[in-house]
Amino acid sequence: MKRIDDFNKRRQHLANLSEEELFNRFWELTEKIVKPLVDIAYKNTSPAIERSVLLRMGFSSIEADNIVKYGLKWGLLGYGMGHAVLCLGENNKIDYKEAGSLLSIGQGWETVNRILRGN
């Protein structure tokens, strides 16, 4: 099977562009392709992502899993569980590790809900 060489035909709309114009065109198209992915990543999260954030904050996998489960139960996952931990710590004037420990055993969620939802 022979490939039809249509390179010259396909590149006609680019033939008169300078190197700089080609460079700019490349990055313009790349941005168009990647923008929806960035938007999705910025506006959405998942339990796995939230557990990962909490693990990087220094919580154990059991604590992180419990915080995420309670966050799902309260419908707060979209606010970010690391954010929830920090909000409780700031509100109660306690260390974030202590705040996370409280959240992992089901305490403080009413406060976090009120803060994050602005009620």
PDB file of N, CA and C in Angstrom:
ATOM      1  N   MET A   1       0.844  -1.175   0.000  1.00  0.00           N
ATOM      2  CA  MET A   1       0.000   0.000   0.000  1.00  0.00           C
ATOM      3  C   MET A   1       0.888   1.236   0.000  1.00  0.00           C
ATOM      4  N   LYS A   2       0.671   2.083  -0.946  1.00  0.00           N
ATOM      5  CA  LYS A   2       1.487   3.275  -1.077  1.00  0.00           C
ATOM      6  C   LYS A   2       0.762   4.475  -0.469  1.00  0.00           C
ATOM      7  N   ARG A   3       1.509   5.241   0.294  1.00  0.00           N
ATOM      8  CA  ARG A   3       0.963   6.436   0.919  1.00  0.00           C
ATOM      9  C   ARG A   3       0.953   7.574  -0.098  1.00  0.00           C
ATOM     10  N   ILE A   4      -0.156   8.283  -0.165  1.00  0.00           N
ATOM     11  CA  ILE A   4      -0.243   9.438  -1.048  1.00  0.00           C
ATOM     12  C   ILE A   4       0.409  10.612  -0.337  1.00  0.00           C
ATOM     13  N   ASP A   5       1.398  11.189  -0.949  1.00  0.00           N
ATOM     14  CA  ASP A   5       2.108  12.316  -0.351  1.00  0.00           C
ATOM     15  C   ASP A   5       1.363  13.602  -0.663  1.00  0.00           C
ATOM     16  N   ASP A   6       0.645  14.094   0.337  1.00  0.00           N
ATOM     17  CA  ASP A   6      -0.119  15.330   0.152  1.00  0.00           C
ATOM     18  C   ASP A   6       0.380  16.451   1.060  1.00  0.00           C
ATOM     19  N   PHE A   7       1.629  16.313   1.490  1.00  0.00           N
ATOM     20  CA  PHE A   7       2.214  17.298   2.400  1.00  0.00           C
ATOM     21  C   PHE A   7       2.137  18.715   1.840  1.00  0.00           C
ATOM     22  N   ASN A   8       2.555  18.906   0.612  1.00  0.00           N
ATOM     23  CA  ASN A   8       2.552  20.262   0.026  1.00  0.00           C
ATOM     24  C   ASN A   8       1.146  20.841  -0.055  1.00  0.00           C
ATOM     25  N   LYS A   9       0.184  20.001  -0.330  1.00  0.00           N
ATOM     26  CA  LYS A   9      -1.207  20.452  -0.397  1.00  0.00           C
ATOM     27  C   LYS A   9      -1.709  20.862   0.998  1.00  0.00           C
ATOM     28  N   ARG A  10      -1.396  20.038   2.009  1.00  0.00           N
ATOM     29  CA  ARG A  10      -1.863  20.308   3.373  1.00  0.00           C
ATOM     30  C   ARG A  10      -1.181  21.499   4.014  1.00  0.00           C
ATOM     31  N   ARG A  11       0.009  21.861   3.563  1.00  0.00           N
ATOM     32  CA  ARG A  11       0.737  22.958   4.209  1.00  0.00           C
ATOM     33  C   ARG A  11       0.578  24.291   3.488  1.00  0.00           C
ATOM     34  N   GLN A  12      -0.241  24.358   2.459  1.00  0.00           N
ATOM     35  CA  GLN A  12      -0.392  25.592   1.689  1.00  0.00           C
ATOM     36  C   GLN A  12      -0.779  26.784   2.561  1.00  0.00           C
ATOM     37  N   HIS A  13      -1.668  26.585   3.516  1.00  0.00           N
ATOM     38  CA  HIS A  13      -2.103  27.705   4.366  1.00  0.00           C
ATOM     39  C   HIS A  13      -1.003  28.179   5.324  1.00  0.00           C
ATOM     40  N   LEU A  14       0.068  27.403   5.438  1.00  0.00           N
ATOM     41  CA  LEU A  14       1.189  27.769   6.316  1.00  0.00           C
ATOM     42  C   LEU A  14       2.434  28.192   5.540  1.00  0.00           C
ATOM     43  N   ALA A  15       2.443  27.991   4.266  1.00  0.00           N
ATOM     44  CA  ALA A  15       3.648  28.180   3.443  1.00  0.00           C
ATOM     45  C   ALA A  15       4.226  29.588   3.521  1.00  0.00           C
ATOM     46  N   ASN A  16       3.389  30.597   3.645  1.00  0.00           N
ATOM     47  CA  ASN A  16       3.881  31.980   3.626  1.00  0.00           C
ATOM     48  C   ASN A  16       4.165  32.546   5.015  1.00  0.00           C
ATOM     49  N   LEU A  17       4.072  31.722   6.043  1.00  0.00           N
ATOM     50  CA  LEU A  17       4.329  32.203   7.402  1.00  0.00           C
ATOM     51  C   LEU A  17       5.823  32.153   7.716  1.00  0.00           C
ATOM     52  N   SER A  18       6.277  33.156   8.460  1.00  0.00           N
ATOM     53  CA  SER A  18       7.674  33.176   8.899  1.00  0.00           C
ATOM     54  C   SER A  18       7.857  32.187  10.046  1.00  0.00           C
ATOM     55  N   GLU A  19       9.115  31.966  10.436  1.00  0.00           N
ATOM     56  CA  GLU A  19       9.399  31.063  11.566  1.00  0.00           C
ATOM     57  C   GLU A  19       8.688  31.559  12.824  1.00  0.00           C
ATOM     58  N   GLU A  20       8.734  32.852  13.053  1.00  0.00           N
ATOM     59  CA  GLU A  20       8.099  33.423  14.244  1.00  0.00           C
ATOM     60  C   GLU A  20       6.580  33.245  14.182  1.00  0.00           C
ATOM     61  N   GLU A  21       5.996  33.462  13.016  1.00  0.00           N
ATOM     62  CA  GLU A  21       4.552  33.283  12.862  1.00  0.00           C
ATOM     63  C   GLU A  21       4.157  31.821  13.054  1.00  0.00           C
ATOM     64  N   LEU A  22       4.978  30.898  12.535  1.00  0.00           N
ATOM     65  CA  LEU A  22       4.720  29.474  12.741  1.00  0.00           C
ATOM     66  C   LEU A  22       4.801  29.112  14.228  1.00  0.00           C
ATOM     67  N   PHE A  23       5.815  29.661  14.887  1.00  0.00           N
ATOM     68  CA  PHE A  23       5.992  29.430  16.324  1.00  0.00           C
ATOM     69  C   PHE A  23       4.754  29.909  17.087  1.00  0.00           C
ATOM     70  N   ASN A  24       4.308  31.132  16.794  1.00  0.00           N
ATOM     71  CA  ASN A  24       3.138  31.689  17.476  1.00  0.00           C
ATOM     72  C   ASN A  24       1.875  30.896  17.161  1.00  0.00           C
ATOM     73  N   ARG A  25       1.735  30.469  15.921  1.00  0.00           N
ATOM     74  CA  ARG A  25       0.575  29.665  15.510  1.00  0.00           C
ATOM     75  C   ARG A  25       0.559  28.340  16.266  1.00  0.00           C
ATOM     76  N   PHE A  26       1.716  27.711  16.396  1.00  0.00           N
ATOM     77  CA  PHE A  26       1.826  26.459  17.137  1.00  0.00           C
ATOM     78  C   PHE A  26       1.323  26.630  18.565  1.00  0.00           C
ATOM     79  N   TRP A  27       1.793  27.663  19.259  1.00  0.00           N
ATOM     80  CA  TRP A  27       1.415  27.853  20.654  1.00  0.00           C
ATOM     81  C   TRP A  27      -0.040  28.293  20.794  1.00  0.00           C
ATOM     82  N   GLU A  28      -0.543  29.002  19.830  1.00  0.00           N
ATOM     83  CA  GLU A  28      -1.955  29.390  19.833  1.00  0.00           C
ATOM     84  C   GLU A  28      -2.847  28.139  19.740  1.00  0.00           C
ATOM     85  N   LEU A  29      -2.510  27.252  18.817  1.00  0.00           N
ATOM     86  CA  LEU A  29      -3.277  26.009  18.667  1.00  0.00           C
ATOM     87  C   LEU A  29      -3.121  25.093  19.877  1.00  0.00           C
ATOM     88  N   THR A  30      -1.920  25.043  20.421  1.00  0.00           N
ATOM     89  CA  THR A  30      -1.673  24.225  21.615  1.00  0.00           C
ATOM     90  C   THR A  30      -2.529  24.715  22.774  1.00  0.00           C
ATOM     91  N   GLU A  31      -2.598  26.020  22.939  1.00  0.00           N
ATOM     92  CA  GLU A  31      -3.415  26.589  24.018  1.00  0.00           C
ATOM     93  C   GLU A  31      -4.892  26.244  23.821  1.00  0.00           C
ATOM     94  N   LYS A  32      -5.369  26.291  22.597  1.00  0.00           N
ATOM     95  CA  LYS A  32      -6.764  25.936  22.308  1.00  0.00           C
ATOM     96  C   LYS A  32      -7.044  24.480  22.666  1.00  0.00           C
ATOM     97  N   ILE A  33      -6.085  23.615  22.411  1.00  0.00           N
ATOM     98  CA  ILE A  33      -6.257  22.191  22.703  1.00  0.00           C
ATOM     99  C   ILE A  33      -6.246  21.934  24.208  1.00  0.00           C
ATOM    100  N   VAL A  34      -5.344  22.584  24.914  1.00  0.00           N
ATOM    101  CA  VAL A  34      -5.138  22.306  26.337  1.00  0.00           C
ATOM    102  C   VAL A  34      -6.131  23.037  27.238  1.00  0.00           C
ATOM    103  N   LYS A  35      -6.666  24.171  26.799  1.00  0.00           N
ATOM    104  CA  LYS A  35      -7.552  24.974  27.637  1.00  0.00           C
ATOM    105  C   LYS A  35      -8.712  24.188  28.239  1.00  0.00           C
ATOM    106  N   PRO A  36      -9.448  23.367  27.464  1.00  0.00           N
ATOM    107  CA  PRO A  36     -10.533  22.596  28.083  1.00  0.00           C
ATOM    108  C   PRO A  36     -10.045  21.653  29.177  1.00  0.00           C
ATOM    109  N   LEU A  37      -8.866  21.083  29.009  1.00  0.00           N
ATOM    110  CA  LEU A  37      -8.317  20.193  30.036  1.00  0.00           C
ATOM    111  C   LEU A  37      -7.985  20.955  31.306  1.00  0.00           C
ATOM    112  N   VAL A  38      -7.409  22.136  31.143  1.00  0.00           N
ATOM    113  CA  VAL A  38      -7.077  22.980  32.296  1.00  0.00           C
ATOM    114  C   VAL A  38      -8.356  23.406  33.012  1.00  0.00           C
ATOM    115  N   ASP A  39      -9.371  23.779  32.246  1.00  0.00           N
ATOM    116  CA  ASP A  39     -10.648  24.174  32.841  1.00  0.00           C
ATOM    117  C   ASP A  39     -11.263  23.038  33.650  1.00  0.00           C
ATOM    118  N   ILE A  40     -11.241  21.837  33.095  1.00  0.00           N
ATOM    119  CA  ILE A  40     -11.789  20.678  33.804  1.00  0.00           C
ATOM    120  C   ILE A  40     -11.004  20.426  35.094  1.00  0.00           C
ATOM    121  N   ALA A  41      -9.694  20.479  35.005  1.00  0.00           N
ATOM    122  CA  ALA A  41      -8.859  20.232  36.187  1.00  0.00           C
ATOM    123  C   ALA A  41      -9.077  21.307  37.248  1.00  0.00           C
ATOM    124  N   TYR A  42      -9.287  22.542  36.814  1.00  0.00           N
ATOM    125  CA  TYR A  42      -9.465  23.650  37.752  1.00  0.00           C
ATOM    126  C   TYR A  42     -10.820  23.574  38.451  1.00  0.00           C
ATOM    127  N   LYS A  43     -11.843  23.152  37.724  1.00  0.00           N
ATOM    128  CA  LYS A  43     -13.207  23.188  38.244  1.00  0.00           C
ATOM    129  C   LYS A  43     -13.677  21.877  38.857  1.00  0.00           C
ATOM    130  N   ASN A  44     -12.910  20.818  38.734  1.00  0.00           N
ATOM    131  CA  ASN A  44     -13.352  19.504  39.195  1.00  0.00           C
ATOM    132  C   ASN A  44     -12.283  18.837  40.045  1.00  0.00           C
ATOM    133  N   THR A  45     -12.758  17.941  40.875  1.00  0.00           N
ATOM    134  CA  THR A  45     -11.841  17.167  41.698  1.00  0.00           C
ATOM    135  C   THR A  45     -12.397  15.752  41.828  1.00  0.00           C
ATOM    136  N   SER A  46     -11.700  14.919  42.532  1.00  0.00           N
ATOM    137  CA  SER A  46     -12.160  13.554  42.771  1.00  0.00           C
ATOM    138  C   SER A  46     -11.698  13.137  44.163  1.00  0.00           C
ATOM    139  N   PRO A  47     -12.299  12.096  44.710  1.00  0.00           N
ATOM    140  CA  PRO A  47     -11.831  11.605  46.010  1.00  0.00           C
ATOM    141  C   PRO A  47     -10.336  11.271  45.989  1.00  0.00           C
ATOM    142  N   ALA A  48      -9.862  10.691  44.898  1.00  0.00           N
ATOM    143  CA  ALA A  48      -8.436  10.330  44.829  1.00  0.00           C
ATOM    144  C   ALA A  48      -7.542  11.563  44.882  1.00  0.00           C
ATOM    145  N   ILE A  49      -7.936  12.605  44.186  1.00  0.00           N
ATOM    146  CA  ILE A  49      -7.142  13.839  44.205  1.00  0.00           C
ATOM    147  C   ILE A  49      -7.142  14.438  45.602  1.00  0.00           C
ATOM    148  N   GLU A  50      -8.303  14.473  46.230  1.00  0.00           N
ATOM    149  CA  GLU A  50      -8.395  15.061  47.575  1.00  0.00           C
ATOM    150  C   GLU A  50      -7.602  14.244  48.591  1.00  0.00           C
ATOM    151  N   ARG A  51      -7.645  12.915  48.490  1.00  0.00           N
ATOM    152  CA  ARG A  51      -6.814  12.075  49.377  1.00  0.00           C
ATOM    153  C   ARG A  51      -5.340  12.381  49.155  1.00  0.00           C
ATOM    154  N   SER A  52      -4.955  12.544  47.912  1.00  0.00           N
ATOM    155  CA  SER A  52      -3.566  12.838  47.580  1.00  0.00           C
ATOM    156  C   SER A  52      -3.121  14.158  48.211  1.00  0.00           C
ATOM    157  N   VAL A  53      -3.965  15.159  48.136  1.00  0.00           N
ATOM    158  CA  VAL A  53      -3.647  16.458  48.744  1.00  0.00           C
ATOM    159  C   VAL A  53      -3.452  16.287  50.243  1.00  0.00           C
ATOM    160  N   LEU A  54      -4.369  15.570  50.877  1.00  0.00           N
ATOM    161  CA  LEU A  54      -4.284  15.382  52.327  1.00  0.00           C
ATOM    162  C   LEU A  54      -3.049  14.582  52.728  1.00  0.00           C
ATOM    163  N   LEU A  55      -2.694  13.590  51.925  1.00  0.00           N
ATOM    164  CA  LEU A  55      -1.469  12.826  52.203  1.00  0.00           C
ATOM    165  C   LEU A  55      -0.250  13.736  52.144  1.00  0.00           C
ATOM    166  N   ARG A  56      -0.233  14.647  51.181  1.00  0.00           N
ATOM    167  CA  ARG A  56       0.889  15.579  51.052  1.00  0.00           C
ATOM    168  C   ARG A  56       0.917  16.618  52.170  1.00  0.00           C
ATOM    169  N   MET A  57      -0.224  16.787  52.803  1.00  0.00           N
ATOM    170  CA  MET A  57      -0.283  17.679  53.971  1.00  0.00           C
ATOM    171  C   MET A  57       0.217  16.974  55.226  1.00  0.00           C
ATOM    172  N   GLY A  58       0.455  15.652  55.131  1.00  0.00           N
ATOM    173  CA  GLY A  58       1.014  14.914  56.256  1.00  0.00           C
ATOM    174  C   GLY A  58       0.039  14.035  57.002  1.00  0.00           C
ATOM    175  N   PHE A  59      -1.181  13.895  56.485  1.00  0.00           N
ATOM    176  CA  PHE A  59      -2.145  13.027  57.146  1.00  0.00           C
ATOM    177  C   PHE A  59      -1.908  11.576  56.737  1.00  0.00           C
ATOM    178  N   SER A  60      -2.280  10.661  57.623  1.00  0.00           N
ATOM    179  CA  SER A  60      -2.152   9.236  57.304  1.00  0.00           C
ATOM    180  C   SER A  60      -3.199   8.881  56.253  1.00  0.00           C
ATOM    181  N   SER A  61      -3.025   7.756  55.613  1.00  0.00           N
ATOM    182  CA  SER A  61      -3.982   7.340  54.586  1.00  0.00           C
ATOM    183  C   SER A  61      -5.359   7.094  55.197  1.00  0.00           C
ATOM    184  N   ILE A  62      -5.401   6.622  56.431  1.00  0.00           N
ATOM    185  CA  ILE A  62      -6.683   6.384  57.109  1.00  0.00           C
ATOM    186  C   ILE A  62      -7.366   7.719  57.402  1.00  0.00           C
ATOM    187  N   GLU A  63      -6.600   8.688  57.928  1.00  0.00           N
ATOM    188  CA  GLU A  63      -7.174  10.013  58.188  1.00  0.00           C
ATOM    189  C   GLU A  63      -7.665  10.654  56.898  1.00  0.00           C
ATOM    190  N   ALA A  64      -6.825  10.599  55.859  1.00  0.00           N
ATOM    191  CA  ALA A  64      -7.180  11.208  54.576  1.00  0.00           C
ATOM    192  C   ALA A  64      -8.451  10.575  54.024  1.00  0.00           C
ATOM    193  N   ASP A  65      -8.530   9.254  54.075  1.00  0.00           N
ATOM    194  CA  ASP A  65      -9.705   8.558  53.562  1.00  0.00           C
ATOM    195  C   ASP A  65     -10.952   8.961  54.341  1.00  0.00           C
ATOM    196  N   ASN A  66     -10.848   9.046  55.652  1.00  0.00           N
ATOM    197  CA  ASN A  66     -11.997   9.434  56.473  1.00  0.00           C
ATOM    198  C   ASN A  66     -12.433  10.871  56.197  1.00  0.00           C
ATOM    199  N   ILE A  67     -11.488  11.770  56.057  1.00  0.00           N
ATOM    200  CA  ILE A  67     -11.820  13.168  55.761  1.00  0.00           C
ATOM    201  C   ILE A  67     -12.559  13.249  54.425  1.00  0.00           C
ATOM    202  N   VAL A  68     -12.075  12.530  53.442  1.00  0.00           N
ATOM    203  CA  VAL A  68     -12.723  12.535  52.127  1.00  0.00           C
ATOM    204  C   VAL A  68     -14.129  11.932  52.214  1.00  0.00           C
ATOM    205  N   LYS A  69     -14.292  10.852  52.962  1.00  0.00           N
ATOM    206  CA  LYS A  69     -15.618  10.237  53.112  1.00  0.00           C
ATOM    207  C   LYS A  69     -16.603  11.206  53.759  1.00  0.00           C
ATOM    208  N   TYR A  70     -16.159  11.884  54.814  1.00  0.00           N
ATOM    209  CA  TYR A  70     -17.032  12.877  55.452  1.00  0.00           C
ATOM    210  C   TYR A  70     -17.292  14.061  54.507  1.00  0.00           C
ATOM    211  N   GLY A  71     -16.274  14.464  53.774  1.00  0.00           N
ATOM    212  CA  GLY A  71     -16.452  15.553  52.807  1.00  0.00           C
ATOM    213  C   GLY A  71     -17.494  15.207  51.761  1.00  0.00           C
ATOM    214  N   LEU A  72     -17.472  13.959  51.289  1.00  0.00           N
ATOM    215  CA  LEU A  72     -18.489  13.499  50.336  1.00  0.00           C
ATOM    216  C   LEU A  72     -19.873  13.493  50.980  1.00  0.00           C
ATOM    217  N   LYS A  73     -19.927  12.991  52.207  1.00  0.00           N
ATOM    218  CA  LYS A  73     -21.201  12.909  52.928  1.00  0.00           C
ATOM    219  C   LYS A  73     -21.831  14.292  53.090  1.00  0.00           C
ATOM    220  N   TRP A  74     -21.003  15.286  53.354  1.00  0.00           N
ATOM    221  CA  TRP A  74     -21.480  16.657  53.543  1.00  0.00           C
ATOM    222  C   TRP A  74     -21.610  17.415  52.221  1.00  0.00           C
ATOM    223  N   GLY A  75     -21.188  16.811  51.132  1.00  0.00           N
ATOM    224  CA  GLY A  75     -21.272  17.473  49.832  1.00  0.00           C
ATOM    225  C   GLY A  75     -20.290  18.620  49.672  1.00  0.00           C
ATOM    226  N   LEU A  76     -19.136  18.494  50.298  1.00  0.00           N
ATOM    227  CA  LEU A  76     -18.151  19.579  50.306  1.00  0.00           C
ATOM    228  C   LEU A  76     -16.885  19.263  49.516  1.00  0.00           C
ATOM    229  N   LEU A  77     -16.851  18.140  48.830  1.00  0.00           N
ATOM    230  CA  LEU A  77     -15.627  17.733  48.141  1.00  0.00           C
ATOM    231  C   LEU A  77     -15.133  18.800  47.166  1.00  0.00           C
ATOM    232  N   GLY A  78     -16.041  19.462  46.485  1.00  0.00           N
ATOM    233  CA  GLY A  78     -15.670  20.480  45.507  1.00  0.00           C
ATOM    234  C   GLY A  78     -14.975  21.692  46.093  1.00  0.00           C
ATOM    235  N   TYR A  79     -15.073  21.882  47.387  1.00  0.00           N
ATOM    236  CA  TYR A  79     -14.388  22.997  48.037  1.00  0.00           C
ATOM    237  C   TYR A  79     -12.929  22.668  48.331  1.00  0.00           C
ATOM    238  N   GLY A  80     -12.587  21.380  48.263  1.00  0.00           N
ATOM    239  CA  GLY A  80     -11.230  20.943  48.561  1.00  0.00           C
ATOM    240  C   GLY A  80     -11.101  20.558  50.020  1.00  0.00           C
ATOM    241  N   MET A  81     -10.649  19.346  50.258  1.00  0.00           N
ATOM    242  CA  MET A  81     -10.554  18.869  51.634  1.00  0.00           C
ATOM    243  C   MET A  81      -9.372  19.491  52.379  1.00  0.00           C
ATOM    244  N   GLY A  82      -8.318  19.831  51.663  1.00  0.00           N
ATOM    245  CA  GLY A  82      -7.228  20.570  52.296  1.00  0.00           C
ATOM    246  C   GLY A  82      -7.718  21.931  52.751  1.00  0.00           C
ATOM    247  N   HIS A  83      -8.533  22.558  51.926  1.00  0.00           N
ATOM    248  CA  HIS A  83      -9.134  23.850  52.264  1.00  0.00           C
ATOM    249  C   HIS A  83     -10.041  23.710  53.485  1.00  0.00           C
ATOM    250  N   ALA A  84     -10.818  22.625  53.524  1.00  0.00           N
ATOM    251  CA  ALA A  84     -11.706  22.379  54.658  1.00  0.00           C
ATOM    252  C   ALA A  84     -10.906  22.263  55.954  1.00  0.00           C
ATOM    253  N   VAL A  85      -9.808  21.530  55.889  1.00  0.00           N
ATOM    254  CA  VAL A  85      -8.946  21.361  57.068  1.00  0.00           C
ATOM    255  C   VAL A  85      -8.404  22.721  57.527  1.00  0.00           C
ATOM    256  N   LEU A  86      -7.905  23.487  56.579  1.00  0.00           N
ATOM    257  CA  LEU A  86      -7.338  24.794  56.927  1.00  0.00           C
ATOM    258  C   LEU A  86      -8.392  25.739  57.483  1.00  0.00           C
ATOM    259  N   CYS A  87      -9.606  25.699  56.926  1.00  0.00           N
ATOM    260  CA  CYS A  87     -10.686  26.556  57.427  1.00  0.00           C
ATOM    261  C   CYS A  87     -11.029  26.229  58.869  1.00  0.00           C
ATOM    262  N   LEU A  88     -11.145  24.941  59.178  1.00  0.00           N
ATOM    263  CA  LEU A  88     -11.462  24.554  60.558  1.00  0.00           C
ATOM    264  C   LEU A  88     -10.338  24.970  61.502  1.00  0.00           C
ATOM    265  N   GLY A  89      -9.094  24.743  61.082  1.00  0.00           N
ATOM    266  CA  GLY A  89      -7.964  25.131  61.919  1.00  0.00           C
ATOM    267  C   GLY A  89      -7.937  26.624  62.186  1.00  0.00           C
ATOM    268  N   GLU A  90      -8.165  27.406  61.149  1.00  0.00           N
ATOM    269  CA  GLU A  90      -8.162  28.868  61.297  1.00  0.00           C
ATOM    270  C   GLU A  90      -9.326  29.320  62.168  1.00  0.00           C
ATOM    271  N   ASN A  91     -10.508  28.746  61.958  1.00  0.00           N
ATOM    272  CA  ASN A  91     -11.687  29.123  62.724  1.00  0.00           C
ATOM    273  C   ASN A  91     -11.518  28.792  64.210  1.00  0.00           C
ATOM    274  N   ASN A  92     -10.980  27.606  64.487  1.00  0.00           N
ATOM    275  CA  ASN A  92     -10.827  27.162  65.873  1.00  0.00           C
ATOM    276  C   ASN A  92      -9.492  27.550  66.492  1.00  0.00           C
ATOM    277  N   LYS A  93      -8.658  28.245  65.696  1.00  0.00           N
ATOM    278  CA  LYS A  93      -7.326  28.665  66.149  1.00  0.00           C
ATOM    279  C   LYS A  93      -6.504  27.476  66.656  1.00  0.00           C
ATOM    280  N   ILE A  94      -6.508  26.418  65.821  1.00  0.00           N
ATOM    281  CA  ILE A  94      -5.726  25.222  66.132  1.00  0.00           C
ATOM    282  C   ILE A  94      -4.869  24.881  64.925  1.00  0.00           C
ATOM    283  N   ASP A  95      -3.861  24.065  65.139  1.00  0.00           N
ATOM    284  CA  ASP A  95      -2.975  23.600  64.086  1.00  0.00           C
ATOM    285  C   ASP A  95      -3.780  22.803  63.059  1.00  0.00           C
ATOM    286  N   TYR A  96      -3.381  22.881  61.802  1.00  0.00           N
ATOM    287  CA  TYR A  96      -4.124  22.172  60.751  1.00  0.00           C
ATOM    288  C   TYR A  96      -4.118  20.654  60.955  1.00  0.00           C
ATOM    289  N   LYS A  97      -3.053  20.117  61.547  1.00  0.00           N
ATOM    290  CA  LYS A  97      -3.004  18.667  61.801  1.00  0.00           C
ATOM    291  C   LYS A  97      -4.074  18.269  62.819  1.00  0.00           C
ATOM    292  N   GLU A  98      -4.242  19.095  63.840  1.00  0.00           N
ATOM    293  CA  GLU A  98      -5.280  18.828  64.832  1.00  0.00           C
ATOM    294  C   GLU A  98      -6.669  18.972  64.202  1.00  0.00           C
ATOM    295  N   ALA A  99      -6.835  19.973  63.357  1.00  0.00           N
ATOM    296  CA  ALA A  99      -8.114  20.176  62.667  1.00  0.00           C
ATOM    297  C   ALA A  99      -8.439  18.971  61.788  1.00  0.00           C
ATOM    298  N   GLY A 100      -7.464  18.475  61.060  1.00  0.00           N
ATOM    299  CA  GLY A 100      -7.670  17.308  60.213  1.00  0.00           C
ATOM    300  C   GLY A 100      -8.007  16.071  61.019  1.00  0.00           C
ATOM    301  N   SER A 101      -7.354  15.930  62.166  1.00  0.00           N
ATOM    302  CA  SER A 101      -7.657  14.791  63.040  1.00  0.00           C
ATOM    303  C   SER A 101      -9.101  14.837  63.525  1.00  0.00           C
ATOM    304  N   LEU A 102      -9.575  16.040  63.867  1.00  0.00           N
ATOM    305  CA  LEU A 102     -10.970  16.193  64.280  1.00  0.00           C
ATOM    306  C   LEU A 102     -11.917  15.833  63.139  1.00  0.00           C
ATOM    307  N   LEU A 103     -11.630  16.352  61.960  1.00  0.00           N
ATOM    308  CA  LEU A 103     -12.489  16.072  60.805  1.00  0.00           C
ATOM    309  C   LEU A 103     -12.505  14.585  60.478  1.00  0.00           C
ATOM    310  N   SER A 104     -11.375  13.918  60.663  1.00  0.00           N
ATOM    311  CA  SER A 104     -11.296  12.489  60.324  1.00  0.00           C
ATOM    312  C   SER A 104     -12.137  11.623  61.248  1.00  0.00           C
ATOM    313  N   ILE A 105     -12.480  12.147  62.412  1.00  0.00           N
ATOM    314  CA  ILE A 105     -13.354  11.385  63.317  1.00  0.00           C
ATOM    315  C   ILE A 105     -14.777  11.958  63.318  1.00  0.00           C
ATOM    316  N   GLY A 106     -15.054  12.825  62.369  1.00  0.00           N
ATOM    317  CA  GLY A 106     -16.421  13.326  62.189  1.00  0.00           C
ATOM    318  C   GLY A 106     -16.769  14.578  62.951  1.00  0.00           C
ATOM    319  N   GLN A 107     -15.790  15.199  63.603  1.00  0.00           N
ATOM    320  CA  GLN A 107     -16.065  16.408  64.381  1.00  0.00           C
ATOM    321  C   GLN A 107     -15.693  17.654  63.583  1.00  0.00           C
ATOM    322  N   GLY A 108     -16.487  18.702  63.746  1.00  0.00           N
ATOM    323  CA  GLY A 108     -16.179  19.994  63.131  1.00  0.00           C
ATOM    324  C   GLY A 108     -16.782  20.211  61.754  1.00  0.00           C
ATOM    325  N   TRP A 109     -17.485  19.242  61.217  1.00  0.00           N
ATOM    326  CA  TRP A 109     -18.042  19.386  59.870  1.00  0.00           C
ATOM    327  C   TRP A 109     -19.138  20.437  59.787  1.00  0.00           C
ATOM    328  N   GLU A 110     -19.885  20.627  60.877  1.00  0.00           N
ATOM    329  CA  GLU A 110     -20.913  21.681  60.870  1.00  0.00           C
ATOM    330  C   GLU A 110     -20.254  23.040  60.666  1.00  0.00           C
ATOM    331  N   THR A 111     -19.156  23.254  61.357  1.00  0.00           N
ATOM    332  CA  THR A 111     -18.416  24.511  61.246  1.00  0.00           C
ATOM    333  C   THR A 111     -17.855  24.682  59.844  1.00  0.00           C
ATOM    334  N   VAL A 112     -17.241  23.637  59.315  1.00  0.00           N
ATOM    335  CA  VAL A 112     -16.668  23.696  57.964  1.00  0.00           C
ATOM    336  C   VAL A 112     -17.767  23.963  56.945  1.00  0.00           C
ATOM    337  N   ASN A 113     -18.894  23.300  57.098  1.00  0.00           N
ATOM    338  CA  ASN A 113     -20.025  23.503  56.178  1.00  0.00           C
ATOM    339  C   ASN A 113     -20.480  24.965  56.199  1.00  0.00           C
ATOM    340  N   ARG A 114     -20.601  25.510  57.394  1.00  0.00           N
ATOM    341  CA  ARG A 114     -21.028  26.912  57.545  1.00  0.00           C
ATOM    342  C   ARG A 114     -20.022  27.858  56.900  1.00  0.00           C
ATOM    343  N   ILE A 115     -18.744  27.619  57.123  1.00  0.00           N
ATOM    344  CA  ILE A 115     -17.695  28.495  56.577  1.00  0.00           C
ATOM    345  C   ILE A 115     -17.657  28.411  55.065  1.00  0.00           C
ATOM    346  N   LEU A 116     -17.603  27.193  54.528  1.00  0.00           N
ATOM    347  CA  LEU A 116     -17.429  27.027  53.083  1.00  0.00           C
ATOM    348  C   LEU A 116     -18.660  27.442  52.286  1.00  0.00           C
ATOM    349  N   ARG A 117     -19.827  27.223  52.845  1.00  0.00           N
ATOM    350  CA  ARG A 117     -21.055  27.581  52.132  1.00  0.00           C
ATOM    351  C   ARG A 117     -21.499  29.008  52.443  1.00  0.00           C
ATOM    352  N   GLY A 118     -20.831  29.640  53.404  1.00  0.00           N
ATOM    353  CA  GLY A 118     -21.146  31.019  53.747  1.00  0.00           C
ATOM    354  C   GLY A 118     -22.471  31.180  54.469  1.00  0.00           C
ATOM    355  N   ASN A 119     -22.876  30.152  55.201  1.00  0.00           N
ATOM    356  CA  ASN A 119     -24.152  30.221  55.952  1.00  0.00           C
ATOM    357  C   ASN A 119     -23.922  30.699  57.356  1.00  0.00           C
TER     358      ASN A 119
END
